[in-house]
Amino acid sequence: MIEKTVVVTNRLGIHARPATVFVQAAAKFQADIFLSKGDVSRVNGKSIMGVMMLAAEQGAEVLVEAEGTDAEQAVETLAELLANDFEDKI
């Protein structure tokens, strides 16, 4: 399992549009992808409902986890997306 903690930079947090971008990016990887925030249980990073249920606001620390053949690349790509305000994606 590869994991990385990232701070959400989007001023509105992970709302519908960034969640959609995240899920679409996550779907490109074969690895199983999970997100968690604080005491919220792990959610499926490939599920729009799961990602939105995190209710991750700006400044929230989110743990990105992946397990599978391309887990390392998945975590790096998705963590960068969260940390860079979804730049060039929305």
PDB file of N, CA and C in Angstrom:
ATOM      1  N   MET A   1       0.856  -1.181   0.000  1.00  0.00           N
ATOM      2  CA  MET A   1       0.000   0.000   0.000  1.00  0.00           C
ATOM      3  C   MET A   1       0.896   1.236   0.000  1.00  0.00           C
ATOM      4  N   ILE A   2       0.662   2.114  -0.947  1.00  0.00           N
ATOM      5  CA  ILE A   2       1.382   3.386  -1.051  1.00  0.00           C
ATOM      6  C   ILE A   2       0.441   4.468  -0.541  1.00  0.00           C
ATOM      7  N   GLU A   3       0.959   5.404   0.240  1.00  0.00           N
ATOM      8  CA  GLU A   3       0.095   6.469   0.755  1.00  0.00           C
ATOM      9  C   GLU A   3       0.842   7.787   0.854  1.00  0.00           C
ATOM     10  N   LYS A   4       0.053   8.860   0.824  1.00  0.00           N
ATOM     11  CA  LYS A   4       0.622  10.203   0.932  1.00  0.00           C
ATOM     12  C   LYS A   4      -0.447  11.130   1.497  1.00  0.00           C
ATOM     13  N   THR A   5      -0.060  11.973   2.440  1.00  0.00           N
ATOM     14  CA  THR A   5      -0.980  12.956   3.006  1.00  0.00           C
ATOM     15  C   THR A   5      -0.812  14.267   2.252  1.00  0.00           C
ATOM     16  N   VAL A   6      -1.946  14.866   1.895  1.00  0.00           N
ATOM     17  CA  VAL A   6      -1.945  16.087   1.091  1.00  0.00           C
ATOM     18  C   VAL A   6      -2.906  17.095   1.713  1.00  0.00           C
ATOM     19  N   VAL A   7      -2.587  18.374   1.601  1.00  0.00           N
ATOM     20  CA  VAL A   7      -3.477  19.436   2.055  1.00  0.00           C
ATOM     21  C   VAL A   7      -4.281  19.930   0.856  1.00  0.00           C
ATOM     22  N   VAL A   8      -5.606  19.982   1.003  1.00  0.00           N
ATOM     23  CA  VAL A   8      -6.498  20.451  -0.067  1.00  0.00           C
ATOM     24  C   VAL A   8      -6.313  21.958  -0.227  1.00  0.00           C
ATOM     25  N   THR A   9      -6.009  22.401  -1.441  1.00  0.00           N
ATOM     26  CA  THR A   9      -5.755  23.823  -1.681  1.00  0.00           C
ATOM     27  C   THR A   9      -6.922  24.555  -2.339  1.00  0.00           C
ATOM     28  N   ASN A  10      -7.843  23.828  -2.947  1.00  0.00           N
ATOM     29  CA  ASN A  10      -8.975  24.480  -3.610  1.00  0.00           C
ATOM     30  C   ASN A  10      -9.751  25.301  -2.586  1.00  0.00           C
ATOM     31  N   ARG A  11     -10.019  26.559  -2.897  1.00  0.00           N
ATOM     32  CA  ARG A  11     -10.661  27.445  -1.917  1.00  0.00           C
ATOM     33  C   ARG A  11     -12.049  26.981  -1.507  1.00  0.00           C
ATOM     34  N   LEU A  12     -12.698  26.182  -2.340  1.00  0.00           N
ATOM     35  CA  LEU A  12     -14.021  25.653  -2.004  1.00  0.00           C
ATOM     36  C   LEU A  12     -13.949  24.201  -1.540  1.00  0.00           C
ATOM     37  N   GLY A  13     -12.743  23.689  -1.405  1.00  0.00           N
ATOM     38  CA  GLY A  13     -12.592  22.295  -0.994  1.00  0.00           C
ATOM     39  C   GLY A  13     -12.896  21.354  -2.149  1.00  0.00           C
ATOM     40  N   ILE A  14     -13.165  20.107  -1.808  1.00  0.00           N
ATOM     41  CA  ILE A  14     -13.480  19.116  -2.846  1.00  0.00           C
ATOM     42  C   ILE A  14     -14.998  19.077  -3.003  1.00  0.00           C
ATOM     43  N   HIS A  15     -15.516  19.981  -3.817  1.00  0.00           N
ATOM     44  CA  HIS A  15     -16.950  20.013  -4.116  1.00  0.00           C
ATOM     45  C   HIS A  15     -17.188  19.205  -5.390  1.00  0.00           C
ATOM     46  N   ALA A  16     -18.339  19.330  -5.989  1.00  0.00           N
ATOM     47  CA  ALA A  16     -18.738  18.460  -7.105  1.00  0.00           C
ATOM     48  C   ALA A  16     -17.752  18.455  -8.273  1.00  0.00           C
ATOM     49  N   ARG A  17     -17.347  19.613  -8.737  1.00  0.00           N
ATOM     50  CA  ARG A  17     -16.478  19.652  -9.918  1.00  0.00           C
ATOM     51  C   ARG A  17     -15.093  19.052  -9.647  1.00  0.00           C
ATOM     52  N   PRO A  18     -14.395  19.460  -8.575  1.00  0.00           N
ATOM     53  CA  PRO A  18     -13.106  18.818  -8.301  1.00  0.00           C
ATOM     54  C   PRO A  18     -13.241  17.321  -8.003  1.00  0.00           C
ATOM     55  N   ALA A  19     -14.331  16.931  -7.361  1.00  0.00           N
ATOM     56  CA  ALA A  19     -14.541  15.505  -7.079  1.00  0.00           C
ATOM     57  C   ALA A  19     -14.658  14.725  -8.382  1.00  0.00           C
ATOM     58  N   THR A  20     -15.350  15.295  -9.355  1.00  0.00           N
ATOM     59  CA  THR A  20     -15.496  14.647 -10.659  1.00  0.00           C
ATOM     60  C   THR A  20     -14.142  14.509 -11.345  1.00  0.00           C
ATOM     61  N   VAL A  21     -13.350  15.572 -11.317  1.00  0.00           N
ATOM     62  CA  VAL A  21     -12.017  15.539 -11.922  1.00  0.00           C
ATOM     63  C   VAL A  21     -11.162  14.477 -11.234  1.00  0.00           C
ATOM     64  N   PHE A  22     -11.231  14.423  -9.904  1.00  0.00           N
ATOM     65  CA  PHE A  22     -10.443  13.442  -9.152  1.00  0.00           C
ATOM     66  C   PHE A  22     -10.844  12.022  -9.527  1.00  0.00           C
ATOM     67  N   VAL A  23     -12.137  11.743  -9.546  1.00  0.00           N
ATOM     68  CA  VAL A  23     -12.631  10.395  -9.853  1.00  0.00           C
ATOM     69  C   VAL A  23     -12.252   9.993 -11.279  1.00  0.00           C
ATOM     70  N   GLN A  24     -12.360  10.918 -12.222  1.00  0.00           N
ATOM     71  CA  GLN A  24     -11.975  10.609 -13.602  1.00  0.00           C
ATOM     72  C   GLN A  24     -10.484  10.293 -13.694  1.00  0.00           C
ATOM     73  N   ALA A  25      -9.665  11.033 -12.959  1.00  0.00           N
ATOM     74  CA  ALA A  25      -8.223  10.762 -12.951  1.00  0.00           C
ATOM     75  C   ALA A  25      -7.936   9.423 -12.280  1.00  0.00           C
ATOM     76  N   ALA A  26      -8.625   9.136 -11.188  1.00  0.00           N
ATOM     77  CA  ALA A  26      -8.422   7.879 -10.454  1.00  0.00           C
ATOM     78  C   ALA A  26      -8.807   6.672 -11.302  1.00  0.00           C
ATOM     79  N   ALA A  27      -9.835   6.833 -12.125  1.00  0.00           N
ATOM     80  CA  ALA A  27     -10.327   5.725 -12.953  1.00  0.00           C
ATOM     81  C   ALA A  27      -9.296   5.273 -13.989  1.00  0.00           C
ATOM     82  N   LYS A  28      -8.317   6.094 -14.272  1.00  0.00           N
ATOM     83  CA  LYS A  28      -7.293   5.746 -15.265  1.00  0.00           C
ATOM     84  C   LYS A  28      -6.270   4.747 -14.724  1.00  0.00           C
ATOM     85  N   PHE A  29      -6.303   4.517 -13.418  1.00  0.00           N
ATOM     86  CA  PHE A  29      -5.342   3.612 -12.795  1.00  0.00           C
ATOM     87  C   PHE A  29      -5.992   2.279 -12.459  1.00  0.00           C
ATOM     88  N   GLN A  30      -5.201   1.220 -12.524  1.00  0.00           N
ATOM     89  CA  GLN A  30      -5.698  -0.106 -12.169  1.00  0.00           C
ATOM     90  C   GLN A  30      -5.748  -0.297 -10.659  1.00  0.00           C
ATOM     91  N   ALA A  31      -4.932   0.425  -9.938  1.00  0.00           N
ATOM     92  CA  ALA A  31      -4.846   0.287  -8.481  1.00  0.00           C
ATOM     93  C   ALA A  31      -6.172   0.635  -7.817  1.00  0.00           C
ATOM     94  N   ASP A  32      -6.406   0.021  -6.663  1.00  0.00           N
ATOM     95  CA  ASP A  32      -7.525   0.418  -5.810  1.00  0.00           C
ATOM     96  C   ASP A  32      -7.089   1.693  -5.109  1.00  0.00           C
ATOM     97  N   ILE A  33      -7.966   2.702  -5.095  1.00  0.00           N
ATOM     98  CA  ILE A  33      -7.610   4.010  -4.547  1.00  0.00           C
ATOM     99  C   ILE A  33      -8.593   4.381  -3.450  1.00  0.00           C
ATOM    100  N   PHE A  34      -8.044   4.865  -2.340  1.00  0.00           N
ATOM    101  CA  PHE A  34      -8.868   5.248  -1.196  1.00  0.00           C
ATOM    102  C   PHE A  34      -8.440   6.615  -0.691  1.00  0.00           C
ATOM    103  N   LEU A  35      -9.401   7.337  -0.122  1.00  0.00           N
ATOM    104  CA  LEU A  35      -9.142   8.627   0.506  1.00  0.00           C
ATOM    105  C   LEU A  35      -9.690   8.586   1.923  1.00  0.00           C
ATOM    106  N   SER A  36      -9.035   9.305   2.819  1.00  0.00           N
ATOM    107  CA  SER A  36      -9.588   9.470   4.161  1.00  0.00           C
ATOM    108  C   SER A  36      -9.185  10.842   4.681  1.00  0.00           C
ATOM    109  N   LYS A  37     -10.024  11.365   5.564  1.00  0.00           N
ATOM    110  CA  LYS A  37      -9.788  12.683   6.155  1.00  0.00           C
ATOM    111  C   LYS A  37     -10.118  12.595   7.635  1.00  0.00           C
ATOM    112  N   GLY A  38      -9.134  12.859   8.467  1.00  0.00           N
ATOM    113  CA  GLY A  38      -9.377  12.839   9.909  1.00  0.00           C
ATOM    114  C   GLY A  38      -9.994  11.535  10.366  1.00  0.00           C
ATOM    115  N   ASP A  39     -11.130  11.648  11.034  1.00  0.00           N
ATOM    116  CA  ASP A  39     -11.782  10.458  11.574  1.00  0.00           C
ATOM    117  C   ASP A  39     -12.805   9.842  10.616  1.00  0.00           C
ATOM    118  N   VAL A  40     -12.910  10.385   9.398  1.00  0.00           N
ATOM    119  CA  VAL A  40     -13.826   9.812   8.403  1.00  0.00           C
ATOM    120  C   VAL A  40     -13.216   8.518   7.880  1.00  0.00           C
ATOM    121  N   SER A  41     -14.029   7.466   7.809  1.00  0.00           N
ATOM    122  CA  SER A  41     -13.481   6.205   7.314  1.00  0.00           C
ATOM    123  C   SER A  41     -13.053   6.330   5.864  1.00  0.00           C
ATOM    124  N   ARG A  42     -12.273   5.371   5.445  1.00  0.00           N
ATOM    125  CA  ARG A  42     -11.775   5.366   4.066  1.00  0.00           C
ATOM    126  C   ARG A  42     -12.930   5.301   3.086  1.00  0.00           C
ATOM    127  N   VAL A  43     -12.796   6.069   2.012  1.00  0.00           N
ATOM    128  CA  VAL A  43     -13.796   6.033   0.945  1.00  0.00           C
ATOM    129  C   VAL A  43     -13.099   5.635  -0.347  1.00  0.00           C
ATOM    130  N   ASN A  44     -13.862   5.078  -1.252  1.00  0.00           N
ATOM    131  CA  ASN A  44     -13.359   4.662  -2.557  1.00  0.00           C
ATOM    132  C   ASN A  44     -13.043   5.910  -3.388  1.00  0.00           C
ATOM    133  N   GLY A  45     -11.794   6.055  -3.799  1.00  0.00           N
ATOM    134  CA  GLY A  45     -11.379   7.213  -4.582  1.00  0.00           C
ATOM    135  C   GLY A  45     -11.880   7.209  -6.009  1.00  0.00           C
ATOM    136  N   LYS A  46     -12.507   6.113  -6.421  1.00  0.00           N
ATOM    137  CA  LYS A  46     -13.068   6.034  -7.772  1.00  0.00           C
ATOM    138  C   LYS A  46     -14.581   6.217  -7.760  1.00  0.00           C
ATOM    139  N   SER A  47     -15.121   6.574  -6.600  1.00  0.00           N
ATOM    140  CA  SER A  47     -16.563   6.773  -6.441  1.00  0.00           C
ATOM    141  C   SER A  47     -16.852   8.248  -6.183  1.00  0.00           C
ATOM    142  N   ILE A  48     -17.644   8.862  -7.044  1.00  0.00           N
ATOM    143  CA  ILE A  48     -17.975  10.281  -6.877  1.00  0.00           C
ATOM    144  C   ILE A  48     -18.665  10.520  -5.535  1.00  0.00           C
ATOM    145  N   MET A  49     -19.547   9.619  -5.143  1.00  0.00           N
ATOM    146  CA  MET A  49     -20.251   9.775  -3.867  1.00  0.00           C
ATOM    147  C   MET A  49     -19.278   9.644  -2.696  1.00  0.00           C
ATOM    148  N   GLY A  50     -18.361   8.692  -2.803  1.00  0.00           N
ATOM    149  CA  GLY A  50     -17.377   8.515  -1.745  1.00  0.00           C
ATOM    150  C   GLY A  50     -16.509   9.747  -1.568  1.00  0.00           C
ATOM    151  N   VAL A  51     -16.005  10.274  -2.671  1.00  0.00           N
ATOM    152  CA  VAL A  51     -15.125  11.444  -2.614  1.00  0.00           C
ATOM    153  C   VAL A  51     -15.879  12.653  -2.066  1.00  0.00           C
ATOM    154  N   MET A  52     -17.112  12.841  -2.475  1.00  0.00           N
ATOM    155  CA  MET A  52     -17.889  13.981  -1.984  1.00  0.00           C
ATOM    156  C   MET A  52     -18.255  13.821  -0.508  1.00  0.00           C
ATOM    157  N   MET A  53     -18.427  12.571  -0.053  1.00  0.00           N
ATOM    158  CA  MET A  53     -18.765  12.327   1.356  1.00  0.00           C
ATOM    159  C   MET A  53     -17.646  12.759   2.301  1.00  0.00           C
ATOM    160  N   LEU A  54     -16.435  12.865   1.801  1.00  0.00           N
ATOM    161  CA  LEU A  54     -15.335  13.331   2.650  1.00  0.00           C
ATOM    162  C   LEU A  54     -15.575  14.750   3.148  1.00  0.00           C
ATOM    163  N   ALA A  55     -16.255  15.550   2.340  1.00  0.00           N
ATOM    164  CA  ALA A  55     -16.496  16.959   2.671  1.00  0.00           C
ATOM    165  C   ALA A  55     -15.182  17.646   3.055  1.00  0.00           C
ATOM    166  N   ALA A  56     -14.164  17.443   2.228  1.00  0.00           N
ATOM    167  CA  ALA A  56     -12.837  17.999   2.506  1.00  0.00           C
ATOM    168  C   ALA A  56     -12.790  19.468   2.108  1.00  0.00           C
ATOM    169  N   GLU A  57     -12.656  20.329   3.105  1.00  0.00           N
ATOM    170  CA  GLU A  57     -12.616  21.762   2.869  1.00  0.00           C
ATOM    171  C   GLU A  57     -11.180  22.212   2.615  1.00  0.00           C
ATOM    172  N   GLN A  58     -11.025  23.463   2.187  1.00  0.00           N
ATOM    173  CA  GLN A  58      -9.683  24.003   1.962  1.00  0.00           C
ATOM    174  C   GLN A  58      -8.878  23.884   3.249  1.00  0.00           C
ATOM    175  N   GLY A  59      -7.651  23.413   3.125  1.00  0.00           N
ATOM    176  CA  GLY A  59      -6.783  23.252   4.283  1.00  0.00           C
ATOM    177  C   GLY A  59      -6.879  21.892   4.956  1.00  0.00           C
ATOM    178  N   ALA A  60      -7.853  21.080   4.552  1.00  0.00           N
ATOM    179  CA  ALA A  60      -8.011  19.751   5.151  1.00  0.00           C
ATOM    180  C   ALA A  60      -6.876  18.835   4.714  1.00  0.00           C
ATOM    181  N   GLU A  61      -6.429  17.988   5.632  1.00  0.00           N
ATOM    182  CA  GLU A  61      -5.425  16.981   5.296  1.00  0.00           C
ATOM    183  C   GLU A  61      -6.143  15.720   4.847  1.00  0.00           C
ATOM    184  N   VAL A  62      -5.815  15.266   3.650  1.00  0.00           N
ATOM    185  CA  VAL A  62      -6.440  14.076   3.073  1.00  0.00           C
ATOM    186  C   VAL A  62      -5.346  13.042   2.826  1.00  0.00           C
ATOM    187  N   LEU A  63      -5.609  11.820   3.242  1.00  0.00           N
ATOM    188  CA  LEU A  63      -4.678  10.723   2.999  1.00  0.00           C
ATOM    189  C   LEU A  63      -5.097  10.019   1.718  1.00  0.00           C
ATOM    190  N   VAL A  64      -4.193   9.970   0.748  1.00  0.00           N
ATOM    191  CA  VAL A  64      -4.424   9.267  -0.516  1.00  0.00           C
ATOM    192  C   VAL A  64      -3.691   7.934  -0.420  1.00  0.00           C
ATOM    193  N   GLU A  65      -4.418   6.836  -0.626  1.00  0.00           N
ATOM    194  CA  GLU A  65      -3.828   5.498  -0.554  1.00  0.00           C
ATOM    195  C   GLU A  65      -4.135   4.745  -1.839  1.00  0.00           C
ATOM    196  N   ALA A  66      -3.207   3.914  -2.255  1.00  0.00           N
ATOM    197  CA  ALA A  66      -3.440   3.081  -3.434  1.00  0.00           C
ATOM    198  C   ALA A  66      -2.732   1.748  -3.252  1.00  0.00           C
ATOM    199  N   GLU A  67      -3.353   0.718  -3.803  1.00  0.00           N
ATOM    200  CA  GLU A  67      -2.783  -0.618  -3.752  1.00  0.00           C
ATOM    201  C   GLU A  67      -3.006  -1.278  -5.100  1.00  0.00           C
ATOM    202  N   GLY A  68      -1.931  -1.771  -5.691  1.00  0.00           N
ATOM    203  CA  GLY A  68      -2.021  -2.419  -6.994  1.00  0.00           C
ATOM    204  C   GLY A  68      -0.790  -2.135  -7.829  1.00  0.00           C
ATOM    205  N   THR A  69      -0.858  -2.562  -9.080  1.00  0.00           N
ATOM    206  CA  THR A  69       0.315  -2.498  -9.953  1.00  0.00           C
ATOM    207  C   THR A  69       0.836  -1.086 -10.199  1.00  0.00           C
ATOM    208  N   ASP A  70      -0.036  -0.116 -10.329  1.00  0.00           N
ATOM    209  CA  ASP A  70       0.396   1.257 -10.610  1.00  0.00           C
ATOM    210  C   ASP A  70       0.117   2.188  -9.428  1.00  0.00           C
ATOM    211  N   ALA A  71       0.172   1.643  -8.225  1.00  0.00           N
ATOM    212  CA  ALA A  71      -0.173   2.393  -7.015  1.00  0.00           C
ATOM    213  C   ALA A  71       0.703   3.625  -6.807  1.00  0.00           C
ATOM    214  N   GLU A  72       1.998   3.482  -7.011  1.00  0.00           N
ATOM    215  CA  GLU A  72       2.904   4.610  -6.775  1.00  0.00           C
ATOM    216  C   GLU A  72       2.594   5.774  -7.709  1.00  0.00           C
ATOM    217  N   GLN A  73       2.394   5.477  -8.977  1.00  0.00           N
ATOM    218  CA  GLN A  73       2.063   6.527  -9.946  1.00  0.00           C
ATOM    219  C   GLN A  73       0.702   7.139  -9.624  1.00  0.00           C
ATOM    220  N   ALA A  74      -0.252   6.315  -9.215  1.00  0.00           N
ATOM    221  CA  ALA A  74      -1.591   6.804  -8.875  1.00  0.00           C
ATOM    222  C   ALA A  74      -1.528   7.787  -7.716  1.00  0.00           C
ATOM    223  N   VAL A  75      -0.826   7.421  -6.657  1.00  0.00           N
ATOM    224  CA  VAL A  75      -0.738   8.299  -5.484  1.00  0.00           C
ATOM    225  C   VAL A  75      -0.057   9.610  -5.847  1.00  0.00           C
ATOM    226  N   GLU A  76       1.033   9.558  -6.582  1.00  0.00           N
ATOM    227  CA  GLU A  76       1.741  10.785  -6.960  1.00  0.00           C
ATOM    228  C   GLU A  76       0.860  11.697  -7.809  1.00  0.00           C
ATOM    229  N   THR A  77       0.194  11.131  -8.805  1.00  0.00           N
ATOM    230  CA  THR A  77      -0.651  11.919  -9.705  1.00  0.00           C
ATOM    231  C   THR A  77      -1.830  12.535  -8.961  1.00  0.00           C
ATOM    232  N   LEU A  78      -2.513  11.735  -8.156  1.00  0.00           N
ATOM    233  CA  LEU A  78      -3.713  12.208  -7.467  1.00  0.00           C
ATOM    234  C   LEU A  78      -3.370  13.176  -6.336  1.00  0.00           C
ATOM    235  N   ALA A  79      -2.275  12.943  -5.644  1.00  0.00           N
ATOM    236  CA  ALA A  79      -1.844  13.863  -4.592  1.00  0.00           C
ATOM    237  C   ALA A  79      -1.488  15.217  -5.198  1.00  0.00           C
ATOM    238  N   GLU A  80      -0.829  15.200  -6.344  1.00  0.00           N
ATOM    239  CA  GLU A  80      -0.475  16.444  -7.027  1.00  0.00           C
ATOM    240  C   GLU A  80      -1.734  17.203  -7.451  1.00  0.00           C
ATOM    241  N   LEU A  81      -2.729  16.483  -7.904  1.00  0.00           N
ATOM    242  CA  LEU A  81      -3.998  17.094  -8.301  1.00  0.00           C
ATOM    243  C   LEU A  81      -4.628  17.827  -7.115  1.00  0.00           C
ATOM    244  N   LEU A  82      -4.670  17.173  -5.956  1.00  0.00           N
ATOM    245  CA  LEU A  82      -5.244  17.783  -4.755  1.00  0.00           C
ATOM    246  C   LEU A  82      -4.417  18.974  -4.270  1.00  0.00           C
ATOM    247  N   ALA A  83      -3.109  18.828  -4.288  1.00  0.00           N
ATOM    248  CA  ALA A  83      -2.221  19.862  -3.755  1.00  0.00           C
ATOM    249  C   ALA A  83      -2.112  21.081  -4.656  1.00  0.00           C
ATOM    250  N   ASN A  84      -2.406  20.918  -5.935  1.00  0.00           N
ATOM    251  CA  ASN A  84      -2.252  22.016  -6.888  1.00  0.00           C
ATOM    252  C   ASN A  84      -3.577  22.619  -7.318  1.00  0.00           C
ATOM    253  N   ASP A  85      -4.574  22.522  -6.452  1.00  0.00           N
ATOM    254  CA  ASP A  85      -5.848  23.211  -6.686  1.00  0.00           C
ATOM    255  C   ASP A  85      -6.523  22.764  -7.978  1.00  0.00           C
ATOM    256  N   PHE A  86      -6.252  21.538  -8.417  1.00  0.00           N
ATOM    257  CA  PHE A  86      -6.835  20.990  -9.640  1.00  0.00           C
ATOM    258  C   PHE A  86      -6.494  21.860 -10.842  1.00  0.00           C
ATOM    259  N   GLU A  87      -5.332  22.536 -10.762  1.00  0.00           N
ATOM    260  CA  GLU A  87      -4.873  23.445 -11.804  1.00  0.00           C
ATOM    261  C   GLU A  87      -4.894  22.784 -13.177  1.00  0.00           C
ATOM    262  N   ASP A  88      -5.372  23.516 -14.162  1.00  0.00           N
ATOM    263  CA  ASP A  88      -5.443  23.059 -15.556  1.00  0.00           C
ATOM    264  C   ASP A  88      -6.411  21.898 -15.760  1.00  0.00           C
ATOM    265  N   LYS A  89      -7.217  21.572 -14.770  1.00  0.00           N
ATOM    266  CA  LYS A  89      -8.132  20.438 -14.903  1.00  0.00           C
ATOM    267  C   LYS A  89      -9.592  20.871 -14.881  1.00  0.00           C
ATOM    268  N   ILE A  90      -9.871  22.050 -14.342  1.00  0.00           N
ATOM    269  CA  ILE A  90     -11.272  22.497 -14.241  1.00  0.00           C
ATOM    270  C   ILE A  90     -11.485  23.658 -15.177  1.00  0.00           C
TER     271      ILE A  90
END
